[in-house]
Amino acid sequence: MGNLSVERKREIESSFAKQGLMGSFQACLDKIEFGKMEISMPYSNSISQQHKFFHGGAVGALADTACGYAAISIIGNDEAALTAEYKINFLAPADGDRLIAVGSVLKPGRTLIVCQGEVFIEKEGKRKLCALMLMTMCVVKNLGHK
C-alpha cells in the first residue's frame, strides 16, 4: 500500500473533528495510516447500557468510523466514501475503561471498498478483542463536505 501525505492526514483529521457523534463520544483519532485507522474513546455513563458496559451501538459506531476513514485514506481527493452495509459480531462484553477500533481496508476497489473493523476493550491496561466488523464502503463523487 501507499503512504499518506501530510495534507491528506490533515484533511482526515479535519473531517473527523466535524463528526458530532465522535465529539459526543470524546473519541480520538489515534493512528492515521494509508488503509488503516485507529480510533479510541473513554468509557462514560452516557454511552453505556444497563450493565455499565459500552453500548453495542457505540461499539458499532466506533468501528464504522474507523473503517470509513480507512477507506477514505485510499480514495482520490475528488471522492467520498459512504457506508453501504456492515455486519458486526460481538465477541465479549465491552466492559472496560476505553474502547479502541482499528479499521483496515481488506479489498480496495473503484466503486466498493471492503473493510474490517476490530474493536478492543481496554481494562487495567490490557486489551481484549470484543467485536469484529465486516463492512462495505461505496465510493462516490465528493459531496462537498470535507
N, C-alpha and C. Protein backbone atom coordinates (compact mmCIF):
# COMPACT_ATOMS: atom_id res chain seq x y z
N MET A 1 0.84 -1.18 0.00
CA MET A 1 0.00 0.00 0.00
C MET A 1 0.88 1.24 0.00
N GLY A 2 0.26 2.37 -0.26
CA GLY A 2 0.98 3.63 -0.37
C GLY A 2 1.12 4.36 0.95
N ASN A 3 1.56 5.59 0.83
CA ASN A 3 1.72 6.45 2.00
C ASN A 3 0.74 7.60 1.92
N LEU A 4 0.42 8.16 3.06
CA LEU A 4 -0.44 9.33 3.11
C LEU A 4 0.41 10.59 3.19
N SER A 5 0.02 11.59 2.44
CA SER A 5 0.72 12.87 2.52
C SER A 5 0.30 13.59 3.80
N VAL A 6 1.09 14.53 4.20
CA VAL A 6 0.76 15.35 5.38
C VAL A 6 -0.56 16.07 5.15
N GLU A 7 -0.77 16.55 3.93
CA GLU A 7 -2.01 17.25 3.60
C GLU A 7 -3.22 16.33 3.75
N ARG A 8 -3.10 15.10 3.27
CA ARG A 8 -4.22 14.14 3.36
C ARG A 8 -4.51 13.79 4.82
N LYS A 9 -3.47 13.63 5.62
CA LYS A 9 -3.67 13.37 7.06
C LYS A 9 -4.43 14.52 7.70
N ARG A 10 -4.07 15.75 7.35
CA ARG A 10 -4.76 16.92 7.90
C ARG A 10 -6.23 16.95 7.48
N GLU A 11 -6.49 16.58 6.21
CA GLU A 11 -7.87 16.53 5.73
C GLU A 11 -8.69 15.51 6.53
N ILE A 12 -8.10 14.37 6.81
CA ILE A 12 -8.79 13.33 7.59
C ILE A 12 -9.03 13.83 9.01
N GLU A 13 -8.03 14.45 9.62
CA GLU A 13 -8.20 15.00 10.97
C GLU A 13 -9.28 16.06 11.01
N SER A 14 -9.32 16.91 10.00
CA SER A 14 -10.33 17.97 9.92
C SER A 14 -11.73 17.37 9.75
N SER A 15 -11.84 16.37 8.89
CA SER A 15 -13.12 15.70 8.67
C SER A 15 -13.60 15.03 9.96
N PHE A 16 -12.70 14.34 10.63
CA PHE A 16 -13.04 13.65 11.88
C PHE A 16 -13.53 14.64 12.93
N ALA A 17 -12.89 15.80 13.01
CA ALA A 17 -13.26 16.82 14.00
C ALA A 17 -14.67 17.36 13.77
N LYS A 18 -15.19 17.22 12.55
CA LYS A 18 -16.54 17.70 12.22
C LYS A 18 -17.63 16.69 12.60
N GLN A 19 -17.25 15.49 12.99
CA GLN A 19 -18.25 14.47 13.31
C GLN A 19 -18.82 14.70 14.71
N GLY A 20 -20.05 15.11 14.75
CA GLY A 20 -20.72 15.37 16.03
C GLY A 20 -20.78 14.16 16.93
N LEU A 21 -21.05 12.99 16.35
CA LEU A 21 -21.15 11.78 17.17
C LEU A 21 -19.82 11.45 17.83
N MET A 22 -18.74 11.53 17.06
CA MET A 22 -17.43 11.23 17.64
C MET A 22 -17.08 12.26 18.72
N GLY A 23 -17.49 13.50 18.54
CA GLY A 23 -17.29 14.52 19.57
C GLY A 23 -18.07 14.19 20.82
N SER A 24 -19.30 13.74 20.65
CA SER A 24 -20.12 13.33 21.80
C SER A 24 -19.51 12.15 22.54
N PHE A 25 -18.86 11.27 21.78
CA PHE A 25 -18.19 10.11 22.37
C PHE A 25 -16.84 10.45 22.99
N GLN A 26 -16.35 11.66 22.79
CA GLN A 26 -15.00 12.07 23.21
C GLN A 26 -13.95 11.17 22.55
N ALA A 27 -14.23 10.79 21.31
CA ALA A 27 -13.34 9.89 20.57
C ALA A 27 -12.12 10.63 20.05
N CYS A 28 -11.02 9.89 19.94
CA CYS A 28 -9.75 10.43 19.44
C CYS A 28 -9.28 9.60 18.25
N LEU A 29 -8.77 10.29 17.26
CA LEU A 29 -8.16 9.64 16.11
C LEU A 29 -6.71 9.39 16.49
N ASP A 30 -6.38 8.16 16.85
CA ASP A 30 -5.06 7.83 17.41
C ASP A 30 -4.00 7.54 16.37
N LYS A 31 -4.36 6.83 15.30
CA LYS A 31 -3.39 6.49 14.25
C LYS A 31 -4.05 6.69 12.90
N ILE A 32 -3.30 7.32 12.00
CA ILE A 32 -3.76 7.55 10.63
C ILE A 32 -2.71 6.97 9.70
N GLU A 33 -3.07 5.93 8.98
CA GLU A 33 -2.18 5.31 8.02
C GLU A 33 -2.95 5.06 6.73
N PHE A 34 -2.24 4.84 5.66
CA PHE A 34 -2.87 4.51 4.38
C PHE A 34 -3.58 3.17 4.54
N GLY A 35 -4.91 3.19 4.44
CA GLY A 35 -5.68 1.96 4.53
C GLY A 35 -5.92 1.44 5.93
N LYS A 36 -5.56 2.23 6.96
CA LYS A 36 -5.74 1.76 8.34
C LYS A 36 -5.90 2.95 9.29
N MET A 37 -6.88 2.86 10.16
CA MET A 37 -7.15 3.91 11.15
C MET A 37 -7.38 3.29 12.51
N GLU A 38 -7.02 4.03 13.55
CA GLU A 38 -7.30 3.61 14.92
C GLU A 38 -7.96 4.77 15.65
N ILE A 39 -9.12 4.48 16.24
CA ILE A 39 -9.90 5.47 16.98
C ILE A 39 -10.21 4.90 18.35
N SER A 40 -10.14 5.75 19.38
CA SER A 40 -10.47 5.27 20.72
C SER A 40 -11.42 6.25 21.40
N MET A 41 -12.08 5.75 22.43
CA MET A 41 -12.93 6.61 23.26
C MET A 41 -12.96 6.09 24.68
N PRO A 42 -13.06 7.02 25.64
CA PRO A 42 -13.13 6.61 27.04
C PRO A 42 -14.55 6.16 27.41
N TYR A 43 -14.64 5.39 28.46
CA TYR A 43 -15.94 4.98 28.97
C TYR A 43 -16.63 6.18 29.62
N SER A 44 -17.93 6.25 29.45
CA SER A 44 -18.74 7.21 30.20
C SER A 44 -20.15 6.64 30.32
N ASN A 45 -20.87 7.07 31.32
CA ASN A 45 -22.24 6.60 31.53
C ASN A 45 -23.15 6.93 30.35
N SER A 46 -22.81 8.00 29.62
CA SER A 46 -23.67 8.43 28.51
C SER A 46 -23.63 7.47 27.32
N ILE A 47 -22.66 6.57 27.27
CA ILE A 47 -22.58 5.59 26.17
C ILE A 47 -22.60 4.16 26.71
N SER A 48 -23.22 4.00 27.87
CA SER A 48 -23.29 2.68 28.49
C SER A 48 -24.66 2.04 28.27
N GLN A 49 -24.73 0.76 28.54
CA GLN A 49 -26.00 0.06 28.58
C GLN A 49 -26.30 -0.28 30.04
N GLN A 50 -27.34 -1.03 30.29
CA GLN A 50 -27.83 -1.24 31.66
C GLN A 50 -26.86 -1.97 32.57
N HIS A 51 -25.89 -2.71 32.01
CA HIS A 51 -24.92 -3.44 32.84
C HIS A 51 -23.63 -2.65 33.03
N LYS A 52 -23.63 -1.39 32.56
CA LYS A 52 -22.48 -0.49 32.68
C LYS A 52 -21.33 -0.88 31.76
N PHE A 53 -21.65 -1.59 30.65
CA PHE A 53 -20.69 -1.86 29.60
C PHE A 53 -20.89 -0.79 28.53
N PHE A 54 -19.92 -0.65 27.61
CA PHE A 54 -20.15 0.20 26.44
C PHE A 54 -21.36 -0.35 25.69
N HIS A 55 -22.24 0.52 25.25
CA HIS A 55 -23.42 0.12 24.50
C HIS A 55 -23.00 -0.43 23.13
N GLY A 56 -23.68 -1.47 22.66
CA GLY A 56 -23.37 -2.05 21.35
C GLY A 56 -23.45 -1.04 20.21
N GLY A 57 -24.35 -0.09 20.33
CA GLY A 57 -24.46 0.95 19.30
C GLY A 57 -23.21 1.82 19.24
N ALA A 58 -22.62 2.09 20.39
CA ALA A 58 -21.38 2.87 20.44
C ALA A 58 -20.22 2.05 19.88
N VAL A 59 -20.20 0.76 20.18
CA VAL A 59 -19.16 -0.14 19.64
C VAL A 59 -19.25 -0.14 18.12
N GLY A 60 -20.45 -0.31 17.59
CA GLY A 60 -20.65 -0.32 16.14
C GLY A 60 -20.30 1.00 15.48
N ALA A 61 -20.68 2.10 16.11
CA ALA A 61 -20.40 3.42 15.54
C ALA A 61 -18.89 3.68 15.48
N LEU A 62 -18.17 3.26 16.52
CA LEU A 62 -16.72 3.48 16.53
C LEU A 62 -16.05 2.64 15.43
N ALA A 63 -16.48 1.38 15.29
CA ALA A 63 -15.92 0.52 14.24
C ALA A 63 -16.27 1.05 12.85
N ASP A 64 -17.50 1.50 12.66
CA ASP A 64 -17.94 2.06 11.39
C ASP A 64 -17.07 3.26 11.01
N THR A 65 -16.80 4.11 11.96
CA THR A 65 -16.00 5.30 11.70
C THR A 65 -14.55 4.95 11.39
N ALA A 66 -13.98 4.01 12.12
CA ALA A 66 -12.59 3.59 11.85
C ALA A 66 -12.48 2.98 10.45
N CYS A 67 -13.42 2.13 10.09
CA CYS A 67 -13.40 1.53 8.74
C CYS A 67 -13.63 2.59 7.67
N GLY A 68 -14.54 3.51 7.94
CA GLY A 68 -14.83 4.56 6.98
C GLY A 68 -13.61 5.41 6.67
N TYR A 69 -12.88 5.81 7.70
CA TYR A 69 -11.68 6.63 7.46
C TYR A 69 -10.54 5.81 6.85
N ALA A 70 -10.50 4.52 7.12
CA ALA A 70 -9.51 3.67 6.45
C ALA A 70 -9.78 3.69 4.94
N ALA A 71 -11.06 3.58 4.56
CA ALA A 71 -11.44 3.63 3.15
C ALA A 71 -11.15 5.01 2.56
N ILE A 72 -11.50 6.05 3.28
CA ILE A 72 -11.28 7.42 2.79
C ILE A 72 -9.79 7.67 2.55
N SER A 73 -8.94 7.05 3.33
CA SER A 73 -7.50 7.28 3.17
C SER A 73 -6.94 6.78 1.84
N ILE A 74 -7.67 5.91 1.14
CA ILE A 74 -7.13 5.34 -0.10
C ILE A 74 -7.81 5.87 -1.36
N ILE A 75 -8.85 6.70 -1.20
CA ILE A 75 -9.56 7.19 -2.39
C ILE A 75 -9.01 8.54 -2.82
N GLY A 76 -9.45 8.98 -3.99
CA GLY A 76 -9.00 10.25 -4.53
C GLY A 76 -9.56 11.45 -3.79
N ASN A 77 -8.92 12.59 -3.97
CA ASN A 77 -9.37 13.83 -3.31
C ASN A 77 -10.74 14.27 -3.78
N ASP A 78 -11.14 13.86 -4.98
CA ASP A 78 -12.43 14.26 -5.53
C ASP A 78 -13.52 13.22 -5.25
N GLU A 79 -13.24 12.30 -4.32
CA GLU A 79 -14.19 11.24 -3.99
C GLU A 79 -14.52 11.24 -2.50
N ALA A 80 -15.64 10.63 -2.18
CA ALA A 80 -16.05 10.42 -0.80
C ALA A 80 -16.42 8.94 -0.66
N ALA A 81 -16.52 8.46 0.56
CA ALA A 81 -16.91 7.07 0.80
C ALA A 81 -18.03 7.06 1.83
N LEU A 82 -19.06 6.30 1.54
CA LEU A 82 -20.21 6.18 2.42
C LEU A 82 -20.43 4.71 2.76
N THR A 83 -20.86 4.45 3.96
CA THR A 83 -21.14 3.07 4.37
C THR A 83 -22.31 2.52 3.57
N ALA A 84 -22.09 1.38 2.93
CA ALA A 84 -23.16 0.70 2.19
C ALA A 84 -23.80 -0.38 3.05
N GLU A 85 -22.97 -1.08 3.83
CA GLU A 85 -23.51 -2.11 4.74
C GLU A 85 -22.42 -2.53 5.70
N TYR A 86 -22.85 -3.08 6.82
CA TYR A 86 -21.89 -3.72 7.71
C TYR A 86 -22.55 -4.78 8.56
N LYS A 87 -21.72 -5.69 9.00
CA LYS A 87 -22.13 -6.75 9.91
C LYS A 87 -21.15 -6.72 11.07
N ILE A 88 -21.67 -6.83 12.26
CA ILE A 88 -20.79 -6.83 13.43
C ILE A 88 -21.09 -8.05 14.29
N ASN A 89 -20.03 -8.68 14.76
CA ASN A 89 -20.15 -9.78 15.71
C ASN A 89 -19.58 -9.30 17.04
N PHE A 90 -20.37 -9.42 18.08
CA PHE A 90 -19.90 -9.08 19.43
C PHE A 90 -19.34 -10.35 20.05
N LEU A 91 -18.07 -10.30 20.43
CA LEU A 91 -17.36 -11.48 20.90
C LEU A 91 -17.23 -11.56 22.41
N ALA A 92 -17.30 -10.39 23.06
CA ALA A 92 -17.17 -10.32 24.52
C ALA A 92 -17.82 -9.02 24.99
N PRO A 93 -18.28 -8.98 26.24
CA PRO A 93 -18.83 -7.71 26.74
C PRO A 93 -17.79 -6.60 26.67
N ALA A 94 -18.23 -5.42 26.30
CA ALA A 94 -17.34 -4.25 26.22
C ALA A 94 -17.25 -3.61 27.61
N ASP A 95 -16.64 -4.34 28.50
CA ASP A 95 -16.52 -3.95 29.91
C ASP A 95 -15.10 -3.47 30.17
N GLY A 96 -14.94 -2.15 30.22
CA GLY A 96 -13.60 -1.61 30.45
C GLY A 96 -13.58 -0.11 30.50
N ASP A 97 -12.37 0.43 30.46
CA ASP A 97 -12.15 1.87 30.61
C ASP A 97 -12.11 2.60 29.28
N ARG A 98 -11.74 1.87 28.23
CA ARG A 98 -11.54 2.51 26.93
C ARG A 98 -11.85 1.51 25.82
N LEU A 99 -12.39 2.02 24.73
CA LEU A 99 -12.72 1.21 23.56
C LEU A 99 -11.81 1.67 22.43
N ILE A 100 -11.22 0.72 21.69
CA ILE A 100 -10.32 1.03 20.59
C ILE A 100 -10.80 0.29 19.35
N ALA A 101 -11.02 1.03 18.26
CA ALA A 101 -11.43 0.43 17.00
C ALA A 101 -10.32 0.61 15.98
N VAL A 102 -9.96 -0.49 15.31
CA VAL A 102 -8.95 -0.46 14.26
C VAL A 102 -9.64 -0.86 12.97
N GLY A 103 -9.70 0.08 12.03
CA GLY A 103 -10.31 -0.17 10.74
C GLY A 103 -9.23 -0.38 9.70
N SER A 104 -9.38 -1.42 8.87
CA SER A 104 -8.39 -1.74 7.84
C SER A 104 -9.09 -2.07 6.53
N VAL A 105 -8.50 -1.62 5.43
CA VAL A 105 -9.02 -1.97 4.11
C VAL A 105 -8.58 -3.39 3.78
N LEU A 106 -9.56 -4.24 3.45
CA LEU A 106 -9.25 -5.61 3.03
C LEU A 106 -9.14 -5.71 1.52
N LYS A 107 -10.06 -5.04 0.81
CA LYS A 107 -10.07 -5.10 -0.65
C LYS A 107 -10.49 -3.75 -1.20
N PRO A 108 -9.53 -3.04 -1.79
CA PRO A 108 -9.87 -1.77 -2.42
C PRO A 108 -10.53 -1.99 -3.77
N GLY A 109 -11.36 -1.04 -4.16
CA GLY A 109 -11.99 -1.11 -5.47
C GLY A 109 -12.39 0.29 -5.91
N ARG A 110 -12.75 0.43 -7.19
CA ARG A 110 -13.15 1.74 -7.71
C ARG A 110 -14.48 2.19 -7.15
N THR A 111 -15.41 1.25 -6.98
CA THR A 111 -16.76 1.58 -6.52
C THR A 111 -17.03 1.09 -5.10
N LEU A 112 -16.52 -0.08 -4.76
CA LEU A 112 -16.73 -0.67 -3.44
C LEU A 112 -15.39 -0.96 -2.78
N ILE A 113 -15.33 -0.69 -1.50
CA ILE A 113 -14.14 -0.98 -0.70
C ILE A 113 -14.60 -1.82 0.48
N VAL A 114 -13.99 -2.98 0.67
CA VAL A 114 -14.34 -3.86 1.79
C VAL A 114 -13.32 -3.63 2.90
N CYS A 115 -13.84 -3.42 4.11
CA CYS A 115 -13.00 -3.14 5.28
C CYS A 115 -13.34 -4.09 6.42
N GLN A 116 -12.39 -4.19 7.33
CA GLN A 116 -12.60 -4.96 8.56
C GLN A 116 -12.35 -4.04 9.74
N GLY A 117 -13.21 -4.14 10.73
CA GLY A 117 -13.02 -3.39 11.97
C GLY A 117 -12.83 -4.35 13.13
N GLU A 118 -11.76 -4.14 13.86
CA GLU A 118 -11.52 -4.90 15.08
C GLU A 118 -11.72 -3.93 16.24
N VAL A 119 -12.53 -4.33 17.21
CA VAL A 119 -12.79 -3.46 18.35
C VAL A 119 -12.29 -4.15 19.61
N PHE A 120 -11.47 -3.42 20.34
CA PHE A 120 -10.86 -3.93 21.57
C PHE A 120 -11.38 -3.15 22.76
N ILE A 121 -11.56 -3.85 23.85
CA ILE A 121 -11.87 -3.20 25.12
C ILE A 121 -10.57 -3.19 25.92
N GLU A 122 -10.29 -2.07 26.54
CA GLU A 122 -9.09 -1.96 27.36
C GLU A 122 -9.51 -1.80 28.82
N LYS A 123 -8.97 -2.65 29.66
CA LYS A 123 -9.28 -2.62 31.09
C LYS A 123 -7.99 -2.88 31.85
N GLU A 124 -7.66 -1.96 32.73
CA GLU A 124 -6.44 -2.06 33.53
C GLU A 124 -5.21 -2.28 32.64
N GLY A 125 -5.18 -1.57 31.50
CA GLY A 125 -4.03 -1.63 30.60
C GLY A 125 -3.96 -2.83 29.68
N LYS A 126 -4.93 -3.75 29.77
CA LYS A 126 -4.92 -4.94 28.91
C LYS A 126 -6.03 -4.83 27.88
N ARG A 127 -5.70 -5.22 26.64
CA ARG A 127 -6.68 -5.19 25.54
C ARG A 127 -7.24 -6.57 25.27
N LYS A 128 -8.55 -6.57 24.97
CA LYS A 128 -9.23 -7.82 24.62
C LYS A 128 -10.14 -7.53 23.43
N LEU A 129 -10.11 -8.40 22.42
CA LEU A 129 -10.98 -8.25 21.27
C LEU A 129 -12.42 -8.47 21.71
N CYS A 130 -13.29 -7.49 21.44
CA CYS A 130 -14.68 -7.64 21.87
C CYS A 130 -15.67 -7.63 20.71
N ALA A 131 -15.24 -7.18 19.51
CA ALA A 131 -16.15 -7.18 18.36
C ALA A 131 -15.36 -7.18 17.06
N LEU A 132 -15.97 -7.76 16.03
CA LEU A 132 -15.42 -7.76 14.68
C LEU A 132 -16.48 -7.24 13.71
N MET A 133 -16.07 -6.35 12.82
CA MET A 133 -16.99 -5.80 11.82
C MET A 133 -16.45 -6.10 10.44
N LEU A 134 -17.34 -6.43 9.52
CA LEU A 134 -17.03 -6.51 8.11
C LEU A 134 -17.94 -5.51 7.43
N MET A 135 -17.37 -4.60 6.65
CA MET A 135 -18.17 -3.54 6.08
C MET A 135 -17.82 -3.28 4.64
N THR A 136 -18.77 -2.73 3.92
CA THR A 136 -18.56 -2.31 2.54
C THR A 136 -18.82 -0.82 2.46
N MET A 137 -17.85 -0.12 1.87
CA MET A 137 -17.98 1.32 1.63
C MET A 137 -18.22 1.53 0.14
N CYS A 138 -19.07 2.50 -0.18
CA CYS A 138 -19.36 2.85 -1.56
C CYS A 138 -18.63 4.16 -1.88
N VAL A 139 -17.84 4.16 -2.94
CA VAL A 139 -17.10 5.35 -3.35
C VAL A 139 -18.02 6.18 -4.25
N VAL A 140 -18.15 7.46 -3.91
CA VAL A 140 -18.99 8.39 -4.66
C VAL A 140 -18.21 9.66 -4.98
N LYS A 141 -18.74 10.46 -5.89
CA LYS A 141 -18.11 11.75 -6.16
C LYS A 141 -18.21 12.58 -4.89
N ASN A 142 -17.19 13.40 -4.65
CA ASN A 142 -17.14 14.19 -3.43
C ASN A 142 -18.44 14.95 -3.22
N LEU A 143 -18.94 14.88 -2.01
CA LEU A 143 -20.21 15.50 -1.66
C LEU A 143 -20.06 16.97 -1.30
N GLY A 144 -18.84 17.48 -1.34
CA GLY A 144 -18.61 18.87 -0.98
C GLY A 144 -18.40 19.08 0.50
N HIS A 145 -18.43 18.01 1.28
CA HIS A 145 -18.20 18.09 2.73
C HIS A 145 -16.84 17.48 3.02
N LYS A 146 -15.88 18.27 3.38
CA LYS A 146 -14.57 17.70 3.70
C LYS A 146 -14.38 17.56 5.17
